[in-house]
C-alpha atoms as a PDB file:
ATOM      1  CA  MET A   1       0.000   0.000   0.000  1.00  0.00           C
ATOM      2  CA  PRO A   2       1.209   3.519  -0.632  1.00  0.00           C
ATOM      3  CA  SER A   3       2.568   5.318   2.408  1.00  0.00           C
ATOM      4  CA  ALA A   4       0.084   8.163   1.849  1.00  0.00           C
ATOM      5  CA  ILE A   5      -2.637   6.005   3.408  1.00  0.00           C
ATOM      6  CA  PHE A   6      -0.711   5.712   6.658  1.00  0.00           C
ATOM      7  CA  PHE A   7       1.183   9.019   6.770  1.00  0.00           C
ATOM      8  CA  PRO A   8      -0.658  11.602   4.666  1.00  0.00           C
ATOM      9  CA  GLU A   9       1.381  14.563   5.960  1.00  0.00           C
ATOM     10  CA  MET A  10       4.715  12.894   5.340  1.00  0.00           C
ATOM     11  CA  SER A  11       3.722  11.627   1.902  1.00  0.00           C
ATOM     12  CA  GLN A  12       3.325  15.213   0.778  1.00  0.00           C
ATOM     13  CA  MET A  13       6.794  16.187   1.989  1.00  0.00           C
ATOM     14  CA  PRO A  14       9.832  15.957  -0.288  1.00  0.00           C
ATOM     15  CA  PRO A  15      11.811  12.760   0.525  1.00  0.00           C
ATOM     16  CA  LEU A  16      14.846  14.580   1.954  1.00  0.00           C
ATOM     17  CA  GLU A  17      12.728  16.570   4.421  1.00  0.00           C
ATOM     18  CA  ARG A  18      10.954  13.384   5.479  1.00  0.00           C
ATOM     19  CA  HIS A  19      14.247  11.781   6.512  1.00  0.00           C
ATOM     20  CA  MET A  20      15.776  14.884   8.072  1.00  0.00           C
ATOM     21  CA  GLY A  21      12.948  15.292  10.564  1.00  0.00           C
ATOM     22  CA  HIS A  22      11.438  18.437   9.075  1.00  0.00           C
ATOM     23  CA  GLY A  23       7.746  19.079   8.911  1.00  0.00           C
ATOM     24  CA  HIS A  24       4.927  19.680  11.380  1.00  0.00           C
ATOM     25  CA  ARG A  25       5.094  16.336  13.214  1.00  0.00           C
ATOM     26  CA  ALA A  26       8.868  16.494  13.748  1.00  0.00           C
ATOM     27  CA  ARG A  27       8.672  20.065  15.124  1.00  0.00           C
ATOM     28  CA  GLN A  28       6.027  18.976  17.625  1.00  0.00           C
ATOM     29  CA  GLN A  29       7.924  15.943  18.903  1.00  0.00           C
ATOM     30  CA  ARG A  30      11.461  17.278  19.155  1.00  0.00           C
ATOM     31  CA  PRO A  31      10.926  19.282  22.421  1.00  0.00           C
ATOM     32  CA  GLN A  32       9.045  16.352  23.977  1.00  0.00           C
ATOM     33  CA  ALA A  33      11.886  13.978  23.089  1.00  0.00           C
ATOM     34  CA  ALA A  34      14.470  16.280  24.683  1.00  0.00           C
ATOM     35  CA  LEU A  35      12.385  16.562  27.855  1.00  0.00           C
ATOM     36  CA  PHE A  36      11.927  12.774  27.918  1.00  0.00           C
ATOM     37  CA  GLU A  37      15.695  12.191  27.593  1.00  0.00           C
ATOM     38  CA  GLU A  38      16.397  14.722  30.349  1.00  0.00           C
ATOM     39  CA  LYS A  39      13.930  12.978  32.685  1.00  0.00           C
ATOM     40  CA  ILE A  40      15.429   9.546  31.932  1.00  0.00           C
ATOM     41  CA  MET A  41      19.002  10.646  32.517  1.00  0.00           C
ATOM     42  CA  SER A  42      18.100  12.044  35.949  1.00  0.00           C
ATOM     43  CA  LYS A  43      17.065   8.537  37.070  1.00  0.00           C
ATOM     44  CA  SER A  44      19.388   6.092  38.802  1.00  0.00           C
ATOM     45  CA  ALA A  45      19.533   2.350  38.194  1.00  0.00           C
ATOM     46  CA  THR A  46      20.977  -0.103  40.699  1.00  0.00           C
ATOM     47  CA  PHE A  47      21.862  -3.739  40.054  1.00  0.00           C
ATOM     48  CA  VAL A  48      22.647  -6.071  42.962  1.00  0.00           C
ATOM     49  CA  ARG A  49      23.808  -9.688  42.821  1.00  0.00           C
ATOM     50  CA  HIS A  50      23.636 -11.752  46.020  1.00  0.00           C
ATOM     51  CA  LYS A  51      25.272 -15.187  46.006  1.00  0.00           C
ATOM     52  CA  ALA A  52      23.704 -17.259  48.781  1.00  0.00           C
ATOM     53  CA  LYS A  53      25.355 -20.254  50.371  1.00  0.00           C
ATOM     54  CA  PRO A  54      24.070 -23.495  48.808  1.00  0.00           C
ATOM     55  CA  GLY A  55      20.373 -23.953  49.543  1.00  0.00           C
ATOM     56  CA  MET A  56      20.017 -20.631  51.401  1.00  0.00           C
ATOM     57  CA  ARG A  57      18.500 -18.436  48.671  1.00  0.00           C
ATOM     58  CA  ASP A  58      14.962 -18.721  50.081  1.00  0.00           C
ATOM     59  CA  GLU A  59      16.262 -17.718  53.528  1.00  0.00           C
ATOM     60  CA  VAL A  60      17.891 -14.626  52.014  1.00  0.00           C
ATOM     61  CA  ARG A  61      14.524 -13.780  50.492  1.00  0.00           C
ATOM     62  CA  ARG A  62      12.760 -14.174  53.846  1.00  0.00           C
ATOM     63  CA  VAL A  63      15.145 -11.677  55.430  1.00  0.00           C
ATOM     64  CA  TRP A  64      14.637  -9.290  52.479  1.00  0.00           C
ATOM     65  CA  GLU A  65      10.847  -9.625  52.869  1.00  0.00           C
ATOM     66  CA  LYS A  66      11.119  -8.890  56.588  1.00  0.00           C
ATOM     67  CA  TYR A  67      13.128  -5.673  56.231  1.00  0.00           C
ATOM     68  CA  ALA A  68      13.338  -4.344  52.693  1.00  0.00           C
ATOM     69  CA  ARG A  69      10.062  -5.263  51.033  1.00  0.00           C
ATOM     70  CA  PRO A  70       7.861  -2.954  53.161  1.00  0.00           C
ATOM     71  CA  TYR A  71      10.279  -0.079  52.597  1.00  0.00           C
ATOM     72  CA  VAL A  72      10.460  -0.620  48.831  1.00  0.00           C
ATOM     73  CA  ALA A  73       6.674  -1.009  48.533  1.00  0.00           C
ATOM     74  CA  GLY A  74       6.124   2.350  50.227  1.00  0.00           C
ATOM     75  CA  SER A  75       8.999   4.247  48.648  1.00  0.00           C
ATOM     76  CA  ASN A  76       8.076   7.005  46.216  1.00  0.00           C
ATOM     77  CA  GLY A  77      11.703   7.125  45.100  1.00  0.00           C
ATOM     78  CA  ALA A  78      11.721   3.523  43.862  1.00  0.00           C
ATOM     79  CA  LEU A  79       9.984   3.796  40.486  1.00  0.00           C
ATOM     80  CA  SER A  80      10.379   0.094  39.784  1.00  0.00           C
ATOM     81  CA  TYR A  81      12.024  -2.718  41.708  1.00  0.00           C
ATOM     82  CA  TYR A  82      12.610  -6.339  40.725  1.00  0.00           C
ATOM     83  CA  TYR A  83      13.710  -9.014  43.177  1.00  0.00           C
ATOM     84  CA  CYS A  84      14.635 -11.984  40.978  1.00  0.00           C
ATOM     85  CA  TYR A  85      15.954 -15.510  41.221  1.00  0.00           C
ATOM     86  CA  ASP A  86      18.719 -16.201  38.713  1.00  0.00           C
ATOM     87  CA  ASP A  87      17.468 -18.828  36.239  1.00  0.00           C
ATOM     88  CA  ASN A  88      20.947 -20.308  35.802  1.00  0.00           C
ATOM     89  CA  ASP A  89      22.134 -20.446  39.409  1.00  0.00           C
ATOM     90  CA  PRO A  90      19.900 -21.817  42.181  1.00  0.00           C
ATOM     91  CA  ASP A  91      21.803 -19.835  44.812  1.00  0.00           C
ATOM     92  CA  THR A  92      21.802 -16.374  43.225  1.00  0.00           C
ATOM     93  CA  VAL A  93      19.459 -13.421  43.675  1.00  0.00           C
ATOM     94  CA  VAL A  94      19.514 -10.526  41.217  1.00  0.00           C
ATOM     95  CA  VAL A  95      17.889  -7.212  42.132  1.00  0.00           C
ATOM     96  CA  PHE A  96      17.216  -4.313  39.784  1.00  0.00           C
ATOM     97  CA  GLN A  97      15.873  -0.934  40.855  1.00  0.00           C
ATOM     98  CA  LEU A  98      15.084   2.204  38.917  1.00  0.00           C
ATOM     99  CA  ALA A  99      15.001   5.184  41.273  1.00  0.00           C
ATOM    100  CA  ALA A 100      13.698   8.698  40.702  1.00  0.00           C
ATOM    101  CA  ASP A 101      17.194  10.093  41.222  1.00  0.00           C
ATOM    102  CA  GLN A 102      20.565   9.144  42.675  1.00  0.00           C
ATOM    103  CA  THR A 103      19.598  10.273  46.186  1.00  0.00           C
ATOM    104  CA  SER A 104      16.485   8.076  46.193  1.00  0.00           C
ATOM    105  CA  GLY A 105      18.584   5.124  45.072  1.00  0.00           C
ATOM    106  CA  GLN A 106      20.974   5.600  48.002  1.00  0.00           C
ATOM    107  CA  GLU A 107      18.246   5.965  50.653  1.00  0.00           C
ATOM    108  CA  PHE A 108      17.845   2.170  50.877  1.00  0.00           C
ATOM    109  CA  VAL A 109      21.144   1.688  52.724  1.00  0.00           C
ATOM    110  CA  LYS A 110      20.448   4.624  55.065  1.00  0.00           C
ATOM    111  CA  GLN A 111      17.353   3.079  56.626  1.00  0.00           C
ATOM    112  CA  PRO A 112      17.433   2.268  60.382  1.00  0.00           C
ATOM    113  CA  TRP A 113      16.750  -1.429  59.685  1.00  0.00           C
ATOM    114  CA  PHE A 114      19.577  -1.819  57.146  1.00  0.00           C
ATOM    115  CA  ALA A 115      22.232  -2.867  59.704  1.00  0.00           C
ATOM    116  CA  ASP A 116      19.913  -5.628  60.982  1.00  0.00           C
ATOM    117  CA  TYR A 117      19.240  -6.706  57.392  1.00  0.00           C
ATOM    118  CA  GLN A 118      22.974  -6.967  56.705  1.00  0.00           C
ATOM    119  CA  ARG A 119      23.640  -8.809  59.953  1.00  0.00           C
ATOM    120  CA  GLU A 120      20.897 -11.385  59.286  1.00  0.00           C
ATOM    121  CA  THR A 121      21.950 -12.017  55.693  1.00  0.00           C
ATOM    122  CA  ALA A 122      25.705 -12.161  56.418  1.00  0.00           C
ATOM    123  CA  ASP A 123      25.650 -15.828  57.477  1.00  0.00           C
ATOM    124  CA  LEU A 124      23.432 -16.730  54.513  1.00  0.00           C
ATOM    125  CA  LEU A 125      25.635 -15.267  51.781  1.00  0.00           C
ATOM    126  CA  ALA A 126      28.650 -16.947  50.193  1.00  0.00           C
ATOM    127  CA  GLY A 127      30.489 -13.625  49.963  1.00  0.00           C
ATOM    128  CA  PRO A 128      30.051  -9.897  49.494  1.00  0.00           C
ATOM    129  CA  SER A 129      27.214  -8.811  47.242  1.00  0.00           C
ATOM    130  CA  GLU A 130      28.028  -7.132  43.946  1.00  0.00           C
ATOM    131  CA  VAL A 131      26.424  -3.689  43.583  1.00  0.00           C
ATOM    132  CA  ARG A 132      26.481  -1.614  40.409  1.00  0.00           C
ATOM    133  CA  THR A 133      24.860   1.726  39.700  1.00  0.00           C
ATOM    134  CA  ALA A 134      24.142   3.143  36.267  1.00  0.00           C
ATOM    135  CA  THR A 135      22.569   6.181  34.638  1.00  0.00           C
ATOM    136  CA  PRO A 136      19.818   5.163  32.206  1.00  0.00           C
ATOM    137  CA  GLN A 137      20.150   6.510  28.688  1.00  0.00           C
ATOM    138  CA  TRP A 138      16.890   5.056  27.345  1.00  0.00           C
ATOM    139  CA  VAL A 139      13.938   3.358  29.051  1.00  0.00           C
ATOM    140  CA  LYS A 140      10.845   1.710  27.610  1.00  0.00           C
ATOM    141  CA  GLY A 141       7.657   1.899  29.591  1.00  0.00           C
ATOM    142  CA  GLY A 142       5.945   3.711  32.390  1.00  0.00           C
ATOM    143  CA  ALA A 143       8.993   4.194  34.623  1.00  0.00           C
ATOM    144  CA  ALA A 144      10.236   6.851  32.226  1.00  0.00           C
END
């Protein structure tokens, strides 16, 4: 089918202008795209990998549910949060969080219960947890 059926405005534009982003639709969307990118890049992503001792992954989760889950559920700064079991390692937990900003992402470890959480998980983990932070450059979905 001719493109004019789907994009009548663009079909009337010369081909070069169509590809360079000129025209009414491109002018409307360019400021929105810049604002969207600015909002995304102000977010903070955190990735955590916990390696539990053999057979202790469910115990690590119970401790997380006791301390962290209520905090995360009520946190306005945590835009999205995923507590996951690694599909390839029965003793590994992978956590991903997208926070509203870097400060919100760091609030987790400043909570009064965090020392108890660390103490109770220490004997359940095979070693130190790996924590990585990142600045999102592009996000699909509602968390943007």
